[in-house]
C-alpha atoms as a PDB file:
ATOM      1  CA  MET A   1     -85.885   7.857 138.735  1.00  0.00           C
ATOM      2  CA  LEU A   2     -88.229  10.852 138.971  1.00  0.00           C
ATOM      3  CA  ILE A   3     -88.742  10.696 142.719  1.00  0.00           C
ATOM      4  CA  GLU A   4     -87.295   8.463 145.401  1.00  0.00           C
ATOM      5  CA  PRO A   5     -89.867   5.849 146.546  1.00  0.00           C
ATOM      6  CA  SER A   6     -89.403   6.950 150.146  1.00  0.00           C
ATOM      7  CA  GLN A   7     -90.336  10.501 149.126  1.00  0.00           C
ATOM      8  CA  LEU A   8     -93.416   9.625 147.075  1.00  0.00           C
ATOM      9  CA  LEU A   9     -95.661   8.889 150.058  1.00  0.00           C
ATOM     10  CA  LEU A  10     -94.488  12.047 151.803  1.00  0.00           C
ATOM     11  CA  PHE A  11     -95.192  14.007 148.616  1.00  0.00           C
ATOM     12  CA  MET A  12     -98.734  12.635 148.385  1.00  0.00           C
ATOM     13  CA  LEU A  13     -99.492  13.190 152.075  1.00  0.00           C
ATOM     14  CA  ALA A  14     -98.229  16.754 151.867  1.00  0.00           C
ATOM     15  CA  GLY A  15    -100.390  17.279 148.788  1.00  0.00           C
ATOM     16  CA  TRP A  16    -103.510  16.042 150.581  1.00  0.00           C
ATOM     17  CA  LEU A  17    -102.879  18.292 153.561  1.00  0.00           C
ATOM     18  CA  LEU A  18    -102.293  21.295 151.318  1.00  0.00           C
ATOM     19  CA  ASN A  19    -105.489  20.600 149.368  1.00  0.00           C
ATOM     20  CA  LEU A  20    -107.454  20.381 152.624  1.00  0.00           C
ATOM     21  CA  THR A  21    -106.456  23.958 153.461  1.00  0.00           C
ATOM     22  CA  PRO A  22    -109.322  26.338 152.563  1.00  0.00           C
ATOM     23  CA  GLY A  23    -108.509  29.046 150.036  1.00  0.00           C
ATOM     24  CA  PRO A  24    -110.127  30.854 147.097  1.00  0.00           C
ATOM     25  CA  ASP A  25    -110.299  27.647 145.030  1.00  0.00           C
ATOM     26  CA  VAL A  26    -112.045  25.660 147.767  1.00  0.00           C
ATOM     27  CA  LEU A  27    -114.381  28.551 148.511  1.00  0.00           C
ATOM     28  CA  TYR A  28    -115.334  28.838 144.839  1.00  0.00           C
ATOM     29  CA  MET A  29    -116.049  25.104 144.517  1.00  0.00           C
ATOM     30  CA  VAL A  30    -118.109  25.001 147.703  1.00  0.00           C
ATOM     31  CA  SER A  31    -120.130  28.124 146.909  1.00  0.00           C
ATOM     32  CA  ARG A  32    -120.945  26.859 143.413  1.00  0.00           C
ATOM     33  CA  SER A  33    -121.896  23.433 144.771  1.00  0.00           C
ATOM     34  CA  LEU A  34    -124.186  24.954 147.390  1.00  0.00           C
ATOM     35  CA  ARG A  35    -125.965  26.957 144.710  1.00  0.00           C
ATOM     36  CA  GLY A  36    -126.008  24.621 141.731  1.00  0.00           C
ATOM     37  CA  GLY A  37    -125.293  21.174 143.129  1.00  0.00           C
ATOM     38  CA  ARG A  38    -122.573  18.754 142.168  1.00  0.00           C
ATOM     39  CA  ARG A  39    -122.709  19.551 138.438  1.00  0.00           C
ATOM     40  CA  ALA A  40    -121.852  23.188 139.112  1.00  0.00           C
ATOM     41  CA  GLY A  41    -119.279  22.135 141.702  1.00  0.00           C
ATOM     42  CA  PHE A  42    -117.492  19.813 139.299  1.00  0.00           C
ATOM     43  CA  ALA A  43    -117.617  22.497 136.589  1.00  0.00           C
ATOM     44  CA  ALA A  44    -115.824  24.797 139.033  1.00  0.00           C
ATOM     45  CA  LEU A  45    -113.343  22.029 139.893  1.00  0.00           C
ATOM     46  CA  ALA A  46    -112.590  21.444 136.209  1.00  0.00           C
ATOM     47  CA  GLY A  47    -111.814  25.135 135.771  1.00  0.00           C
ATOM     48  CA  ILE A  48    -109.552  25.186 138.811  1.00  0.00           C
ATOM     49  CA  ILE A  49    -107.676  22.081 137.655  1.00  0.00           C
ATOM     50  CA  SER A  50    -107.163  23.708 134.250  1.00  0.00           C
ATOM     51  CA  GLY A  51    -105.710  26.759 135.971  1.00  0.00           C
ATOM     52  CA  CYS A  52    -103.353  24.555 137.990  1.00  0.00           C
ATOM     53  CA  LEU A  53    -102.130  22.862 134.822  1.00  0.00           C
ATOM     54  CA  VAL A  54    -101.385  26.267 133.297  1.00  0.00           C
ATOM     55  CA  HIS A  55     -99.297  27.152 136.362  1.00  0.00           C
ATOM     56  CA  VAL A  56     -97.449  23.820 136.166  1.00  0.00           C
ATOM     57  CA  ALA A  57     -96.710  24.386 132.477  1.00  0.00           C
ATOM     58  CA  LEU A  58     -95.467  27.934 133.103  1.00  0.00           C
ATOM     59  CA  ALA A  59     -93.223  26.799 135.941  1.00  0.00           C
ATOM     60  CA  SER A  60     -91.874  23.846 133.930  1.00  0.00           C
ATOM     61  CA  LEU A  61     -90.991  26.091 131.000  1.00  0.00           C
ATOM     62  CA  GLY A  62     -89.162  28.516 133.240  1.00  0.00           C
ATOM     63  CA  LEU A  63     -91.763  31.264 132.926  1.00  0.00           C
ATOM     64  CA  GLY A  64     -92.614  30.851 136.587  1.00  0.00           C
ATOM     65  CA  VAL A  65     -89.088  31.971 137.459  1.00  0.00           C
ATOM     66  CA  LEU A  66     -89.685  35.104 135.391  1.00  0.00           C
ATOM     67  CA  LEU A  67     -92.814  35.787 137.431  1.00  0.00           C
ATOM     68  CA  ALA A  68     -90.914  35.216 140.667  1.00  0.00           C
ATOM     69  CA  THR A  69     -88.087  37.563 139.683  1.00  0.00           C
ATOM     70  CA  SER A  70     -89.974  40.289 137.813  1.00  0.00           C
ATOM     71  CA  ALA A  71     -91.519  42.734 140.259  1.00  0.00           C
ATOM     72  CA  THR A  72     -93.549  44.377 137.495  1.00  0.00           C
ATOM     73  CA  LEU A  73     -95.037  41.151 136.107  1.00  0.00           C
ATOM     74  CA  PHE A  74     -95.780  39.819 139.586  1.00  0.00           C
ATOM     75  CA  THR A  75     -97.479  43.073 140.596  1.00  0.00           C
ATOM     76  CA  VAL A  76     -99.614  43.268 137.441  1.00  0.00           C
ATOM     77  CA  ILE A  77    -100.888  39.691 137.769  1.00  0.00           C
ATOM     78  CA  LYS A  78    -101.334  40.096 141.519  1.00  0.00           C
ATOM     79  CA  TRP A  79    -103.543  43.162 141.123  1.00  0.00           C
ATOM     80  CA  ILE A  80    -105.592  41.602 138.333  1.00  0.00           C
ATOM     81  CA  GLY A  81    -106.161  38.525 140.498  1.00  0.00           C
ATOM     82  CA  ALA A  82    -106.987  40.606 143.573  1.00  0.00           C
ATOM     83  CA  ALA A  83    -109.426  42.743 141.574  1.00  0.00           C
ATOM     84  CA  TYR A  84    -111.154  39.611 140.275  1.00  0.00           C
ATOM     85  CA  LEU A  85    -111.554  38.133 143.771  1.00  0.00           C
ATOM     86  CA  LEU A  86    -112.857  41.448 145.091  1.00  0.00           C
ATOM     87  CA  TRP A  87    -115.327  41.652 142.204  1.00  0.00           C
ATOM     88  CA  VAL A  88    -116.617  38.140 142.940  1.00  0.00           C
ATOM     89  CA  GLY A  89    -116.952  39.014 146.631  1.00  0.00           C
ATOM     90  CA  VAL A  90    -118.860  42.237 145.993  1.00  0.00           C
ATOM     91  CA  ARG A  91    -121.142  40.478 143.515  1.00  0.00           C
ATOM     92  CA  LEU A  92    -121.986  37.828 146.106  1.00  0.00           C
ATOM     93  CA  LEU A  93    -122.703  40.470 148.747  1.00  0.00           C
ATOM     94  CA  ARG A  94    -125.038  42.297 146.377  1.00  0.00           C
ATOM     95  CA  ASN A  95    -126.907  39.202 145.225  1.00  0.00           C
ATOM     96  CA  THR A  96    -130.483  38.885 146.418  1.00  0.00           C
ATOM     97  CA  GLY A  97    -132.932  36.027 146.353  1.00  0.00           C
ATOM     98  CA  GLU A  98    -133.687  34.387 143.024  1.00  0.00           C
ATOM     99  CA  SER A  99    -131.100  36.393 141.111  1.00  0.00           C
ATOM    100  CA  THR A 100    -128.254  34.783 143.022  1.00  0.00           C
ATOM    101  CA  LEU A 101    -125.869  32.753 140.886  1.00  0.00           C
ATOM    102  CA  GLN A 102    -128.361  31.772 138.197  1.00  0.00           C
ATOM    103  CA  ALA A 103    -125.530  30.231 136.202  1.00  0.00           C
ATOM    104  CA  ASP A 104    -125.039  27.615 138.908  1.00  0.00           C
ATOM    105  CA  VAL A 105    -128.695  26.632 138.847  1.00  0.00           C
ATOM    106  CA  ALA A 106    -128.609  26.364 135.053  1.00  0.00           C
ATOM    107  CA  ALA A 107    -125.369  24.375 135.217  1.00  0.00           C
ATOM    108  CA  SER A 108    -127.040  21.906 137.582  1.00  0.00           C
ATOM    109  CA  SER A 109    -129.612  21.171 134.867  1.00  0.00           C
ATOM    110  CA  GLY A 110    -126.932  20.484 132.268  1.00  0.00           C
ATOM    111  CA  SER A 111    -126.797  23.782 130.376  1.00  0.00           C
ATOM    112  CA  ALA A 112    -123.547  23.755 128.381  1.00  0.00           C
ATOM    113  CA  GLY A 113    -123.253  27.541 128.330  1.00  0.00           C
ATOM    114  CA  SER A 114    -123.665  27.818 132.070  1.00  0.00           C
ATOM    115  CA  PHE A 115    -121.221  24.949 132.615  1.00  0.00           C
ATOM    116  CA  TRP A 116    -118.557  26.925 130.766  1.00  0.00           C
ATOM    117  CA  GLN A 117    -119.458  30.077 132.679  1.00  0.00           C
ATOM    118  CA  VAL A 118    -118.859  28.334 136.008  1.00  0.00           C
ATOM    119  CA  PHE A 119    -115.761  26.628 134.550  1.00  0.00           C
ATOM    120  CA  ALA A 120    -114.372  30.016 133.498  1.00  0.00           C
ATOM    121  CA  GLY A 121    -114.913  31.382 136.993  1.00  0.00           C
ATOM    122  CA  GLY A 122    -112.903  28.525 138.493  1.00  0.00           C
ATOM    123  CA  PHE A 123    -110.169  28.911 135.896  1.00  0.00           C
ATOM    124  CA  LEU A 124    -109.808  32.652 136.529  1.00  0.00           C
ATOM    125  CA  THR A 125    -109.880  32.209 140.310  1.00  0.00           C
ATOM    126  CA  ASN A 126    -106.847  29.938 140.049  1.00  0.00           C
ATOM    127  CA  VAL A 127    -104.866  31.216 137.069  1.00  0.00           C
ATOM    128  CA  LEU A 128    -104.947  34.876 138.186  1.00  0.00           C
ATOM    129  CA  ASN A 129    -103.358  33.991 141.522  1.00  0.00           C
ATOM    130  CA  PRO A 130     -99.551  34.312 141.118  1.00  0.00           C
ATOM    131  CA  LYS A 131     -99.067  32.636 144.498  1.00  0.00           C
ATOM    132  CA  VAL A 132     -99.970  29.300 142.887  1.00  0.00           C
ATOM    133  CA  VAL A 133     -97.019  29.236 140.482  1.00  0.00           C
ATOM    134  CA  LEU A 134     -94.721  30.499 143.245  1.00  0.00           C
ATOM    135  CA  PHE A 135     -95.929  27.632 145.415  1.00  0.00           C
ATOM    136  CA  PHE A 136     -95.073  25.106 142.701  1.00  0.00           C
ATOM    137  CA  LEU A 137     -91.626  26.663 142.283  1.00  0.00           C
ATOM    138  CA  ALA A 138     -90.961  26.342 146.018  1.00  0.00           C
ATOM    139  CA  PHE A 139     -92.620  22.979 146.731  1.00  0.00           C
ATOM    140  CA  LEU A 140     -91.949  20.638 143.811  1.00  0.00           C
ATOM    141  CA  PRO A 141     -88.143  20.879 143.336  1.00  0.00           C
ATOM    142  CA  GLN A 142     -87.399  19.458 146.786  1.00  0.00           C
ATOM    143  CA  PHE A 143     -88.979  16.141 145.739  1.00  0.00           C
ATOM    144  CA  ILE A 144     -87.134  15.745 142.426  1.00  0.00           C
ATOM    145  CA  ALA A 145     -84.363  13.163 142.675  1.00  0.00           C
ATOM    146  CA  PRO A 146     -80.868  14.693 142.231  1.00  0.00           C
ATOM    147  CA  SER A 147     -80.036  12.136 139.544  1.00  0.00           C
ATOM    148  CA  VAL A 148     -82.816  13.335 137.212  1.00  0.00           C
ATOM    149  CA  GLN A 149     -81.348  14.808 134.025  1.00  0.00           C
ATOM    150  CA  ASN A 150     -84.443  16.411 132.497  1.00  0.00           C
ATOM    151  CA  LYS A 151     -85.523  18.704 135.319  1.00  0.00           C
ATOM    152  CA  PRO A 152     -88.321  20.520 133.381  1.00  0.00           C
ATOM    153  CA  LEU A 153     -89.951  17.189 132.463  1.00  0.00           C
ATOM    154  CA  ALA A 154     -89.640  15.959 136.055  1.00  0.00           C
ATOM    155  CA  PHE A 155     -91.166  19.223 137.284  1.00  0.00           C
ATOM    156  CA  ALA A 156     -94.102  18.885 134.876  1.00  0.00           C
ATOM    157  CA  LEU A 157     -94.753  15.257 135.854  1.00  0.00           C
ATOM    158  CA  LEU A 158     -94.624  16.054 139.570  1.00  0.00           C
ATOM    159  CA  GLY A 159     -96.984  18.973 139.007  1.00  0.00           C
ATOM    160  CA  LEU A 160     -99.395  16.654 137.214  1.00  0.00           C
ATOM    161  CA  ILE A 161     -99.136  14.096 140.033  1.00  0.00           C
ATOM    162  CA  PHE A 162     -99.795  16.832 142.599  1.00  0.00           C
ATOM    163  CA  THR A 163    -102.854  18.035 140.684  1.00  0.00           C
ATOM    164  CA  VAL A 164    -104.338  14.554 140.213  1.00  0.00           C
ATOM    165  CA  ASN A 165    -103.486  13.653 143.814  1.00  0.00           C
ATOM    166  CA  GLY A 166    -105.662  16.527 145.033  1.00  0.00           C
ATOM    167  CA  LEU A 167    -108.734  15.494 143.029  1.00  0.00           C
ATOM    168  CA  PRO A 168    -110.233  13.227 145.752  1.00  0.00           C
ATOM    169  CA  ILE A 169    -110.031  16.057 148.304  1.00  0.00           C
ATOM    170  CA  SER A 170    -111.600  18.554 145.919  1.00  0.00           C
ATOM    171  CA  ALA A 171    -114.313  16.092 144.905  1.00  0.00           C
ATOM    172  CA  ALA A 172    -115.075  15.485 148.584  1.00  0.00           C
ATOM    173  CA  TYR A 173    -115.596  19.227 149.091  1.00  0.00           C
ATOM    174  CA  VAL A 174    -118.003  19.316 146.139  1.00  0.00           C
ATOM    175  CA  LEU A 175    -119.988  16.273 147.284  1.00  0.00           C
ATOM    176  CA  ALA A 176    -120.138  17.468 150.897  1.00  0.00           C
ATOM    177  CA  ALA A 177    -121.446  20.872 149.815  1.00  0.00           C
ATOM    178  CA  ASP A 178    -123.993  19.196 147.540  1.00  0.00           C
ATOM    179  CA  ARG A 179    -125.192  17.108 150.470  1.00  0.00           C
ATOM    180  CA  VAL A 180    -125.556  20.202 152.648  1.00  0.00           C
ATOM    181  CA  ARG A 181    -127.502  21.841 149.810  1.00  0.00           C
ATOM    182  CA  SER A 182    -130.111  19.084 149.962  1.00  0.00           C
ATOM    183  CA  SER A 183    -130.740  19.542 153.692  1.00  0.00           C
ATOM    184  CA  ARG A 184    -133.957  21.189 154.934  1.00  0.00           C
ATOM    185  CA  TRP A 185    -132.332  24.345 156.283  1.00  0.00           C
ATOM    186  CA  ALA A 186    -130.135  24.979 153.252  1.00  0.00           C
ATOM    187  CA  ALA A 187    -132.780  26.851 151.241  1.00  0.00           C
ATOM    188  CA  ARG A 188    -133.215  29.392 154.041  1.00  0.00           C
ATOM    189  CA  GLY A 189    -129.495  29.732 154.617  1.00  0.00           C
ATOM    190  CA  LEU A 190    -128.225  30.075 151.041  1.00  0.00           C
ATOM    191  CA  GLN A 191    -128.509  33.848 150.944  1.00  0.00           C
ATOM    192  CA  TRP A 192    -126.536  34.143 154.185  1.00  0.00           C
ATOM    193  CA  LEU A 193    -123.975  31.694 152.837  1.00  0.00           C
ATOM    194  CA  ASP A 194    -123.606  33.944 149.786  1.00  0.00           C
ATOM    195  CA  LYS A 195    -122.904  36.877 152.092  1.00  0.00           C
ATOM    196  CA  LEU A 196    -120.325  34.879 154.039  1.00  0.00           C
ATOM    197  CA  ALA A 197    -118.682  33.701 150.811  1.00  0.00           C
ATOM    198  CA  GLY A 198    -118.626  37.301 149.592  1.00  0.00           C
ATOM    199  CA  VAL A 199    -116.841  38.480 152.726  1.00  0.00           C
ATOM    200  CA  LEU A 200    -114.313  35.640 152.438  1.00  0.00           C
ATOM    201  CA  PHE A 201    -113.641  36.364 148.760  1.00  0.00           C
ATOM    202  CA  ILE A 202    -113.042  40.016 149.605  1.00  0.00           C
ATOM    203  CA  GLY A 203    -110.682  38.894 152.372  1.00  0.00           C
ATOM    204  CA  PHE A 204    -108.754  36.648 149.971  1.00  0.00           C
ATOM    205  CA  GLY A 205    -108.600  39.489 147.454  1.00  0.00           C
ATOM    206  CA  LEU A 206    -107.214  41.916 150.022  1.00  0.00           C
ATOM    207  CA  ARG A 207    -104.692  39.345 151.230  1.00  0.00           C
ATOM    208  CA  LEU A 208    -103.512  38.764 147.666  1.00  0.00           C
ATOM    209  CA  ALA A 209    -103.266  42.518 147.075  1.00  0.00           C
ATOM    210  CA  LEU A 210    -101.047  42.835 150.148  1.00  0.00           C
ATOM    211  CA  THR A 211     -98.809  39.908 149.153  1.00  0.00           C
ATOM    212  CA  ALA A 212     -95.222  40.971 148.577  1.00  0.00           C
ATOM    213  CA  ARG A 213     -93.085  39.361 145.884  1.00  0.00           C
ATOM    214  CA  PRO A 214     -90.733  36.837 147.518  1.00  0.00           C
ATOM    215  CA  VAL A 215     -87.138  38.001 147.547  1.00  0.00           C
ATOM    216  CA  ALA A 216     -84.745  35.409 146.106  1.00  0.00           C
END
């Protein structure tokens, strides 16, 4: 048995609580939804989910352990991820008026190219954060039943369950932001929301840059 029945509910509840916690992924989804509506928000969500699946695959194949134990690899990925978050933050701070996040507006009208642009942003926001794979390495094993023989397969399945389990929370963020977007004051406040999102992205980037590799 992959996971004890008594542990499954605890696993799902923990997953919901963790997905409720704001971070770069949530901020990216919300900011895209506020600008481009639910289409842009779900494009961002699809990119983030794809990034999560990459992390699950890496951890299942044992490559996540390499990241956790290699100071050089961890540092390289950490700095690339931090630089990307800082770049997104600075871009948001420098955006003005109609030029702000045009890809989101185009994505809301169904433009395939813009959909993939927003998708790519979500994917990079997630996949360039080494803390995600380290989280999976620390969180998932404690829920795998001791009797399981194929640990990598069990890890991959639990990672998939965790990712799918978080979809309702992520979708709720997207839909809530889309609803706020349609309110009367939203048009006047979008530029200020961009500035706030920019500051938060810079904060997340700095926090990632200052993250030390966990010592085994």
